[in-house]
């Protein structure tokens, strides 16, 4: 647990002290970074750290949000000191989008390969198909179709 005094000593201030804890937002006065609760009362990793330069959420080293304020504040301090690289959630989104684009491109390439593969010669069967097809019975406008 961290007290409001300790938060202030680290440069953090709760911007909405009267709101319920699941709506809490803390702002770092010097850097502009903020921490907010995800809004779920039973969340295991409820605190989200945001980088104001990108507007994106920064993940904890375990790839999740933060379990408690000391963890989020400690990570923020390490990022500011250059000890820890921020892992924005946007990086994961970009990786997912790149993977999806690669899969889609592979599908497009496979379909193009199939479409460009020459078909077998059907000219011998075309005459037989026309002679035996019910679509070609009759004369003129083909009375069997209508």
N, C-alpha and C. Protein backbone atom coordinates (compact mmCIF):
# COMPACT_ATOMS: atom_id res chain seq x y z
N UNK A 1 0.85 -1.18 0.00
CA UNK A 1 0.00 0.00 0.00
C UNK A 1 0.89 1.24 0.00
N UNK A 2 0.44 2.24 -0.68
CA UNK A 2 1.21 3.48 -0.76
C UNK A 2 0.28 4.63 -0.35
N UNK A 3 0.78 5.51 0.46
CA UNK A 3 -0.05 6.60 0.99
C UNK A 3 -0.10 7.77 0.01
N UNK A 4 -1.11 8.63 0.14
CA UNK A 4 -1.16 9.84 -0.69
C UNK A 4 0.09 10.71 -0.54
N UNK A 5 0.66 10.74 0.67
CA UNK A 5 1.89 11.52 0.90
C UNK A 5 3.05 10.93 0.09
N UNK A 6 3.17 9.60 0.13
CA UNK A 6 4.24 8.94 -0.64
C UNK A 6 4.04 9.17 -2.14
N UNK A 7 2.79 9.10 -2.58
CA UNK A 7 2.49 9.37 -3.99
C UNK A 7 2.96 10.78 -4.36
N UNK A 8 2.63 11.74 -3.51
CA UNK A 8 3.02 13.13 -3.77
C UNK A 8 4.55 13.27 -3.79
N UNK A 9 5.23 12.55 -2.91
CA UNK A 9 6.69 12.60 -2.89
C UNK A 9 7.29 12.11 -4.20
N UNK A 10 6.61 11.17 -4.86
CA UNK A 10 7.08 10.65 -6.14
C UNK A 10 6.54 11.47 -7.33
N UNK A 11 5.77 12.52 -7.03
CA UNK A 11 5.25 13.39 -8.09
C UNK A 11 3.90 12.99 -8.63
N UNK A 12 3.24 12.07 -7.95
CA UNK A 12 1.93 11.60 -8.41
C UNK A 12 0.82 12.23 -7.60
N UNK A 13 -0.30 12.50 -8.28
CA UNK A 13 -1.45 13.09 -7.61
C UNK A 13 -2.71 12.45 -8.16
N UNK A 14 -3.61 12.08 -7.26
CA UNK A 14 -4.88 11.52 -7.71
C UNK A 14 -5.75 12.68 -8.19
N UNK A 15 -6.20 12.58 -9.43
CA UNK A 15 -6.95 13.69 -10.02
C UNK A 15 -8.42 13.68 -9.64
N UNK A 16 -8.92 12.56 -9.18
CA UNK A 16 -10.34 12.46 -8.80
C UNK A 16 -10.48 11.79 -7.44
N UNK A 17 -10.03 12.44 -6.38
CA UNK A 17 -10.01 11.78 -5.07
C UNK A 17 -11.38 11.37 -4.54
N UNK A 18 -12.45 11.99 -4.98
CA UNK A 18 -13.77 11.62 -4.48
C UNK A 18 -14.40 10.46 -5.22
N UNK A 19 -13.82 10.04 -6.33
CA UNK A 19 -14.39 8.96 -7.14
C UNK A 19 -14.09 7.60 -6.52
N UNK A 20 -14.91 6.60 -6.81
CA UNK A 20 -14.62 5.25 -6.32
C UNK A 20 -13.26 4.77 -6.83
N UNK A 21 -12.66 3.83 -6.12
CA UNK A 21 -11.31 3.38 -6.47
C UNK A 21 -11.25 2.77 -7.87
N UNK A 22 -12.35 2.17 -8.35
CA UNK A 22 -12.32 1.57 -9.68
C UNK A 22 -12.36 2.63 -10.79
N UNK A 23 -12.50 3.90 -10.40
CA UNK A 23 -12.48 4.99 -11.37
C UNK A 23 -11.28 5.92 -11.13
N UNK A 24 -10.35 5.48 -10.31
CA UNK A 24 -9.23 6.32 -9.90
C UNK A 24 -8.29 6.62 -11.07
N UNK A 25 -7.79 7.84 -11.07
CA UNK A 25 -6.79 8.29 -12.04
C UNK A 25 -5.72 9.06 -11.28
N UNK A 26 -4.45 8.72 -11.53
CA UNK A 26 -3.33 9.42 -10.93
C UNK A 26 -2.51 10.04 -12.06
N UNK A 27 -2.06 11.25 -11.84
CA UNK A 27 -1.28 11.99 -12.84
C UNK A 27 0.10 12.29 -12.29
N UNK A 28 1.13 12.05 -13.10
CA UNK A 28 2.48 12.43 -12.72
C UNK A 28 2.69 13.86 -13.19
N UNK A 29 2.89 14.77 -12.25
CA UNK A 29 2.90 16.20 -12.56
C UNK A 29 4.02 16.61 -13.50
N UNK A 30 5.18 16.00 -13.39
CA UNK A 30 6.33 16.42 -14.20
C UNK A 30 6.31 15.82 -15.62
N UNK A 31 5.95 14.55 -15.74
CA UNK A 31 6.05 13.88 -17.03
C UNK A 31 4.74 13.85 -17.80
N UNK A 32 3.62 14.01 -17.11
CA UNK A 32 2.32 13.95 -17.77
C UNK A 32 1.79 12.54 -17.92
N UNK A 33 2.57 11.54 -17.52
CA UNK A 33 2.09 10.16 -17.58
C UNK A 33 0.93 10.02 -16.60
N UNK A 34 0.04 9.08 -16.86
CA UNK A 34 -1.05 8.86 -15.92
C UNK A 34 -1.30 7.36 -15.75
N UNK A 35 -1.87 7.07 -14.60
CA UNK A 35 -2.27 5.70 -14.25
C UNK A 35 -3.77 5.76 -14.01
N UNK A 36 -4.46 4.80 -14.57
CA UNK A 36 -5.89 4.73 -14.27
C UNK A 36 -6.31 3.29 -14.04
N UNK A 37 -7.33 3.15 -13.21
CA UNK A 37 -7.88 1.84 -12.91
C UNK A 37 -8.72 1.42 -14.11
N UNK A 38 -8.70 0.13 -14.43
CA UNK A 38 -9.42 -0.36 -15.60
C UNK A 38 -10.93 -0.33 -15.44
N UNK A 39 -11.40 -0.22 -14.20
CA UNK A 39 -12.84 -0.15 -13.97
C UNK A 39 -13.47 -1.46 -13.52
N UNK A 40 -12.70 -2.53 -13.52
CA UNK A 40 -13.21 -3.83 -13.07
C UNK A 40 -12.81 -4.06 -11.62
N UNK A 41 -13.79 -4.23 -10.77
CA UNK A 41 -13.54 -4.36 -9.33
C UNK A 41 -12.73 -5.60 -8.98
N UNK A 42 -12.80 -6.65 -9.79
CA UNK A 42 -12.12 -7.90 -9.46
C UNK A 42 -10.90 -8.16 -10.35
N UNK A 43 -10.43 -7.15 -11.06
CA UNK A 43 -9.28 -7.34 -11.96
C UNK A 43 -8.02 -7.69 -11.19
N UNK A 44 -7.24 -8.63 -11.72
CA UNK A 44 -5.97 -9.00 -11.10
C UNK A 44 -4.86 -7.99 -11.41
N UNK A 45 -4.93 -7.37 -12.57
CA UNK A 45 -3.95 -6.37 -13.00
C UNK A 45 -4.72 -5.12 -13.43
N UNK A 46 -5.23 -4.35 -12.46
CA UNK A 46 -6.19 -3.31 -12.78
C UNK A 46 -5.62 -1.96 -13.22
N UNK A 47 -4.34 -1.72 -12.98
CA UNK A 47 -3.81 -0.37 -13.21
C UNK A 47 -3.10 -0.25 -14.55
N UNK A 48 -3.55 0.71 -15.33
CA UNK A 48 -3.01 0.95 -16.66
C UNK A 48 -2.16 2.20 -16.64
N UNK A 49 -0.96 2.10 -17.19
CA UNK A 49 -0.02 3.22 -17.25
C UNK A 49 -0.01 3.75 -18.67
N UNK A 50 -0.18 5.07 -18.82
CA UNK A 50 -0.26 5.67 -20.16
C UNK A 50 0.86 6.67 -20.39
N UNK A 51 1.41 6.62 -21.58
CA UNK A 51 2.45 7.54 -22.03
C UNK A 51 1.78 8.69 -22.76
N UNK A 52 1.92 9.93 -22.29
CA UNK A 52 1.24 11.05 -22.95
C UNK A 52 1.80 11.37 -24.33
N UNK A 53 3.05 11.01 -24.59
CA UNK A 53 3.64 11.30 -25.90
C UNK A 53 2.97 10.51 -27.00
N UNK A 54 2.55 9.28 -26.68
CA UNK A 54 1.91 8.43 -27.69
C UNK A 54 0.43 8.22 -27.42
N UNK A 55 0.00 8.47 -26.18
CA UNK A 55 -1.39 8.23 -25.82
C UNK A 55 -1.71 6.75 -25.67
N UNK A 56 -0.68 5.92 -25.65
CA UNK A 56 -0.91 4.48 -25.58
C UNK A 56 -0.60 3.95 -24.20
N UNK A 57 -1.23 2.82 -23.90
CA UNK A 57 -0.99 2.16 -22.64
C UNK A 57 0.36 1.46 -22.69
N UNK A 58 1.10 1.54 -21.62
CA UNK A 58 2.41 0.89 -21.50
C UNK A 58 2.23 -0.34 -20.62
N UNK A 59 2.70 -1.47 -21.12
CA UNK A 59 2.54 -2.72 -20.40
C UNK A 59 3.64 -2.92 -19.37
N UNK A 60 3.33 -3.71 -18.37
CA UNK A 60 4.33 -4.13 -17.40
C UNK A 60 5.28 -5.12 -18.07
N UNK A 61 6.43 -5.38 -17.49
CA UNK A 61 7.36 -6.35 -18.09
C UNK A 61 6.74 -7.73 -18.32
N UNK A 62 5.70 -8.08 -17.57
CA UNK A 62 5.05 -9.38 -17.77
C UNK A 62 4.04 -9.36 -18.91
N UNK A 63 3.92 -8.21 -19.60
CA UNK A 63 3.01 -8.11 -20.74
C UNK A 63 1.58 -7.81 -20.36
N UNK A 64 1.34 -7.43 -19.12
CA UNK A 64 -0.01 -7.12 -18.65
C UNK A 64 -0.03 -5.70 -18.12
N UNK A 65 -1.17 -5.32 -17.56
CA UNK A 65 -1.25 -4.05 -16.83
C UNK A 65 -0.57 -4.29 -15.48
N UNK A 66 -0.68 -3.33 -14.56
CA UNK A 66 0.04 -3.42 -13.29
C UNK A 66 -0.88 -3.87 -12.17
N UNK A 67 -0.32 -4.67 -11.26
CA UNK A 67 -1.08 -5.22 -10.15
C UNK A 67 -1.40 -4.17 -9.09
N UNK A 68 -0.46 -3.23 -8.87
CA UNK A 68 -0.68 -2.23 -7.83
C UNK A 68 0.08 -0.95 -8.17
N UNK A 69 -0.19 0.09 -7.42
CA UNK A 69 0.45 1.39 -7.67
C UNK A 69 1.97 1.36 -7.57
N UNK A 70 2.55 0.72 -6.53
CA UNK A 70 4.01 0.70 -6.49
C UNK A 70 4.65 0.10 -7.75
N UNK A 71 4.03 -0.94 -8.29
CA UNK A 71 4.58 -1.56 -9.50
C UNK A 71 4.50 -0.60 -10.68
N UNK A 72 3.37 0.07 -10.84
CA UNK A 72 3.21 1.02 -11.95
C UNK A 72 4.14 2.22 -11.79
N UNK A 73 4.23 2.73 -10.58
CA UNK A 73 5.08 3.90 -10.33
C UNK A 73 6.56 3.52 -10.50
N UNK A 74 6.92 2.34 -10.03
CA UNK A 74 8.30 1.88 -10.18
C UNK A 74 8.67 1.70 -11.64
N UNK A 75 7.77 1.15 -12.42
CA UNK A 75 8.03 0.97 -13.85
C UNK A 75 8.17 2.33 -14.53
N UNK A 76 7.30 3.25 -14.19
CA UNK A 76 7.36 4.60 -14.75
C UNK A 76 8.71 5.23 -14.45
N UNK A 77 9.17 5.09 -13.21
CA UNK A 77 10.46 5.67 -12.81
C UNK A 77 11.60 5.04 -13.61
N UNK A 78 11.55 3.74 -13.82
CA UNK A 78 12.59 3.06 -14.59
C UNK A 78 12.58 3.52 -16.05
N UNK A 79 11.40 3.71 -16.61
CA UNK A 79 11.30 4.19 -18.00
C UNK A 79 11.90 5.59 -18.10
N UNK A 80 11.56 6.47 -17.16
CA UNK A 80 12.08 7.84 -17.20
C UNK A 80 13.60 7.87 -17.03
N UNK A 81 14.13 6.96 -16.23
CA UNK A 81 15.60 6.91 -16.03
C UNK A 81 16.30 6.20 -17.18
N UNK A 82 15.55 5.60 -18.08
CA UNK A 82 16.15 4.89 -19.20
C UNK A 82 16.59 3.48 -18.87
N UNK A 83 16.22 3.01 -17.68
CA UNK A 83 16.60 1.65 -17.26
C UNK A 83 15.72 0.63 -17.97
N UNK A 84 14.48 0.98 -18.18
CA UNK A 84 13.49 0.06 -18.76
C UNK A 84 12.89 0.71 -20.00
N UNK A 85 12.83 -0.06 -21.08
CA UNK A 85 12.17 0.44 -22.29
C UNK A 85 10.66 0.27 -22.10
N UNK A 86 9.88 1.28 -22.47
CA UNK A 86 8.44 1.09 -22.39
C UNK A 86 7.98 0.07 -23.42
N UNK A 87 7.04 -0.76 -23.02
CA UNK A 87 6.46 -1.74 -23.93
C UNK A 87 5.01 -1.33 -24.16
N UNK A 88 4.79 -0.42 -25.11
CA UNK A 88 3.41 0.03 -25.31
C UNK A 88 2.56 -1.08 -25.90
N UNK A 89 1.31 -1.07 -25.53
CA UNK A 89 0.37 -2.05 -26.07
C UNK A 89 0.29 -1.91 -27.58
N UNK A 90 0.58 -0.71 -28.08
CA UNK A 90 0.54 -0.51 -29.53
C UNK A 90 1.52 -1.43 -30.23
N UNK A 91 2.66 -1.73 -29.60
CA UNK A 91 3.61 -2.66 -30.21
C UNK A 91 2.98 -4.02 -30.44
N UNK A 92 2.19 -4.49 -29.47
CA UNK A 92 1.52 -5.78 -29.63
C UNK A 92 0.47 -5.71 -30.72
N UNK A 93 -0.25 -4.61 -30.79
CA UNK A 93 -1.25 -4.43 -31.84
C UNK A 93 -0.57 -4.42 -33.20
N UNK A 94 0.55 -3.70 -33.31
CA UNK A 94 1.29 -3.66 -34.57
C UNK A 94 1.78 -5.04 -34.97
N UNK A 95 2.31 -5.80 -34.00
CA UNK A 95 2.77 -7.16 -34.29
C UNK A 95 1.62 -8.03 -34.79
N UNK A 96 0.47 -7.92 -34.14
CA UNK A 96 -0.70 -8.69 -34.56
C UNK A 96 -1.11 -8.30 -35.96
N UNK A 97 -1.16 -6.98 -36.23
CA UNK A 97 -1.56 -6.52 -37.56
C UNK A 97 -0.57 -6.97 -38.63
N UNK A 98 0.71 -6.94 -38.31
CA UNK A 98 1.72 -7.41 -39.27
C UNK A 98 1.55 -8.90 -39.55
N UNK A 99 1.27 -9.67 -38.50
CA UNK A 99 1.07 -11.11 -38.68
C UNK A 99 -0.17 -11.37 -39.54
N UNK A 100 -1.25 -10.64 -39.27
CA UNK A 100 -2.47 -10.81 -40.05
C UNK A 100 -2.24 -10.41 -41.51
N UNK A 101 -1.51 -9.31 -41.73
CA UNK A 101 -1.23 -8.86 -43.10
C UNK A 101 -0.39 -9.91 -43.83
N UNK A 102 0.58 -10.51 -43.14
CA UNK A 102 1.40 -11.55 -43.76
C UNK A 102 0.55 -12.78 -44.11
N UNK A 103 -0.37 -13.16 -43.23
CA UNK A 103 -1.26 -14.29 -43.52
C UNK A 103 -2.17 -13.99 -44.69
N UNK A 104 -2.70 -12.76 -44.72
CA UNK A 104 -3.58 -12.37 -45.83
C UNK A 104 -2.80 -12.35 -47.14
N UNK A 105 -1.56 -11.85 -47.10
CA UNK A 105 -0.75 -11.82 -48.31
C UNK A 105 -0.43 -13.23 -48.79
N UNK A 106 -0.18 -14.14 -47.85
CA UNK A 106 0.07 -15.54 -48.22
C UNK A 106 -1.16 -16.14 -48.89
N UNK A 107 -2.34 -15.83 -48.38
CA UNK A 107 -3.58 -16.31 -48.99
C UNK A 107 -3.75 -15.73 -50.39
N UNK A 108 -3.50 -14.44 -50.54
CA UNK A 108 -3.60 -13.79 -51.85
C UNK A 108 -2.62 -14.43 -52.83
N UNK A 109 -1.39 -14.65 -52.37
CA UNK A 109 -0.38 -15.27 -53.24
C UNK A 109 -0.80 -16.67 -53.68
N UNK A 110 -1.35 -17.45 -52.75
CA UNK A 110 -1.80 -18.80 -53.09
C UNK A 110 -2.96 -18.76 -54.08
N UNK A 111 -3.91 -17.86 -53.86
CA UNK A 111 -5.04 -17.75 -54.79
C UNK A 111 -4.57 -17.29 -56.17
N UNK A 112 -3.65 -16.35 -56.20
CA UNK A 112 -3.09 -15.91 -57.49
C UNK A 112 -2.37 -17.05 -58.20
N UNK A 113 -1.63 -17.85 -57.45
CA UNK A 113 -0.95 -19.00 -58.05
C UNK A 113 -1.96 -19.97 -58.66
N UNK A 114 -3.04 -20.23 -57.93
CA UNK A 114 -4.07 -21.14 -58.43
C UNK A 114 -4.73 -20.55 -59.68
N UNK A 115 -5.05 -19.26 -59.65
CA UNK A 115 -5.70 -18.64 -60.80
C UNK A 115 -4.80 -18.57 -62.03
N UNK A 116 -3.52 -18.48 -61.83
CA UNK A 116 -2.59 -18.38 -62.95
C UNK A 116 -2.15 -19.75 -63.50
N UNK A 117 -2.52 -20.80 -62.79
CA UNK A 117 -2.18 -22.14 -63.26
C UNK A 117 -3.06 -22.46 -64.47
N UNK A 118 -2.46 -22.81 -65.60
CA UNK A 118 -3.27 -23.11 -66.79
C UNK A 118 -4.19 -24.30 -66.52
N UNK A 119 -5.40 -24.19 -67.03
CA UNK A 119 -6.37 -25.27 -66.88
C UNK A 119 -6.09 -26.34 -67.92
N UNK A 120 -6.62 -27.51 -67.67
CA UNK A 120 -6.49 -28.60 -68.63
C UNK A 120 -7.25 -28.24 -69.90
N UNK A 121 -6.88 -28.82 -71.02
CA UNK A 121 -7.52 -28.56 -72.30
C UNK A 121 -8.92 -29.16 -72.29
N UNK A 122 -9.94 -28.34 -72.45
CA UNK A 122 -11.32 -28.80 -72.44
C UNK A 122 -11.95 -28.75 -73.83
N UNK A 123 -11.16 -28.44 -74.85
CA UNK A 123 -11.73 -28.27 -76.19
C UNK A 123 -12.33 -29.56 -76.73
N UNK A 124 -11.77 -30.73 -76.38
CA UNK A 124 -12.32 -32.00 -76.88
C UNK A 124 -13.70 -32.25 -76.28
N UNK A 125 -13.88 -31.89 -75.02
CA UNK A 125 -15.14 -32.15 -74.34
C UNK A 125 -16.19 -31.08 -74.64
N UNK A 126 -15.79 -29.92 -75.14
CA UNK A 126 -16.75 -28.85 -75.34
C UNK A 126 -17.84 -29.25 -76.31
N UNK A 127 -17.49 -29.88 -77.41
CA UNK A 127 -18.52 -30.30 -78.37
C UNK A 127 -19.47 -31.31 -77.76
N UNK A 128 -18.94 -32.28 -77.04
CA UNK A 128 -19.76 -33.30 -76.38
C UNK A 128 -20.68 -32.65 -75.35
N UNK A 129 -20.16 -31.70 -74.57
CA UNK A 129 -20.99 -31.02 -73.56
C UNK A 129 -22.12 -30.28 -74.23
N UNK A 130 -21.84 -29.59 -75.31
CA UNK A 130 -22.90 -28.84 -75.98
C UNK A 130 -23.95 -29.77 -76.57
N UNK A 131 -23.50 -30.91 -77.11
CA UNK A 131 -24.47 -31.84 -77.72
C UNK A 131 -25.37 -32.49 -76.67
N UNK A 132 -24.81 -32.76 -75.48
CA UNK A 132 -25.58 -33.50 -74.47
C UNK A 132 -26.24 -32.61 -73.42
N UNK A 133 -25.95 -31.34 -73.39
CA UNK A 133 -26.48 -30.46 -72.37
C UNK A 133 -27.93 -30.10 -72.65
N UNK A 134 -28.79 -30.14 -71.64
CA UNK A 134 -30.19 -29.72 -71.84
C UNK A 134 -30.30 -28.23 -72.16
N UNK A 135 -29.25 -27.48 -71.93
CA UNK A 135 -29.30 -26.05 -72.23
C UNK A 135 -29.31 -25.78 -73.73
N UNK A 136 -28.92 -26.76 -74.53
CA UNK A 136 -28.81 -26.53 -75.97
C UNK A 136 -29.88 -27.27 -76.76
N UNK A 137 -30.92 -27.78 -76.11
CA UNK A 137 -32.01 -28.42 -76.83
C UNK A 137 -32.85 -27.35 -77.51
N UNK A 138 -33.49 -27.69 -78.55
CA UNK A 138 -34.39 -26.76 -79.23
C UNK A 138 -33.63 -25.83 -80.15
N UNK A 139 -34.34 -24.85 -80.69
CA UNK A 139 -33.74 -23.91 -81.62
C UNK A 139 -34.07 -22.49 -81.19
N UNK A 140 -33.36 -21.56 -81.67
CA UNK A 140 -33.63 -20.16 -81.42
C UNK A 140 -33.43 -19.80 -79.96
N UNK A 141 -34.53 -19.38 -79.32
CA UNK A 141 -34.42 -18.89 -77.94
C UNK A 141 -34.49 -20.00 -76.91
N UNK A 142 -34.40 -21.26 -77.38
CA UNK A 142 -34.36 -22.42 -76.49
C UNK A 142 -35.61 -22.50 -75.61
N UNK A 143 -36.66 -23.08 -76.12
CA UNK A 143 -37.91 -23.17 -75.35
C UNK A 143 -37.82 -24.00 -74.07
N UNK A 144 -36.81 -24.84 -73.97
CA UNK A 144 -36.70 -25.65 -72.74
C UNK A 144 -36.20 -24.85 -71.55
N UNK A 145 -35.58 -23.68 -71.79
CA UNK A 145 -35.11 -22.86 -70.68
C UNK A 145 -36.21 -22.01 -70.07
N UNK A 146 -37.24 -21.74 -70.81
CA UNK A 146 -38.28 -20.80 -70.32
C UNK A 146 -39.60 -21.46 -70.14
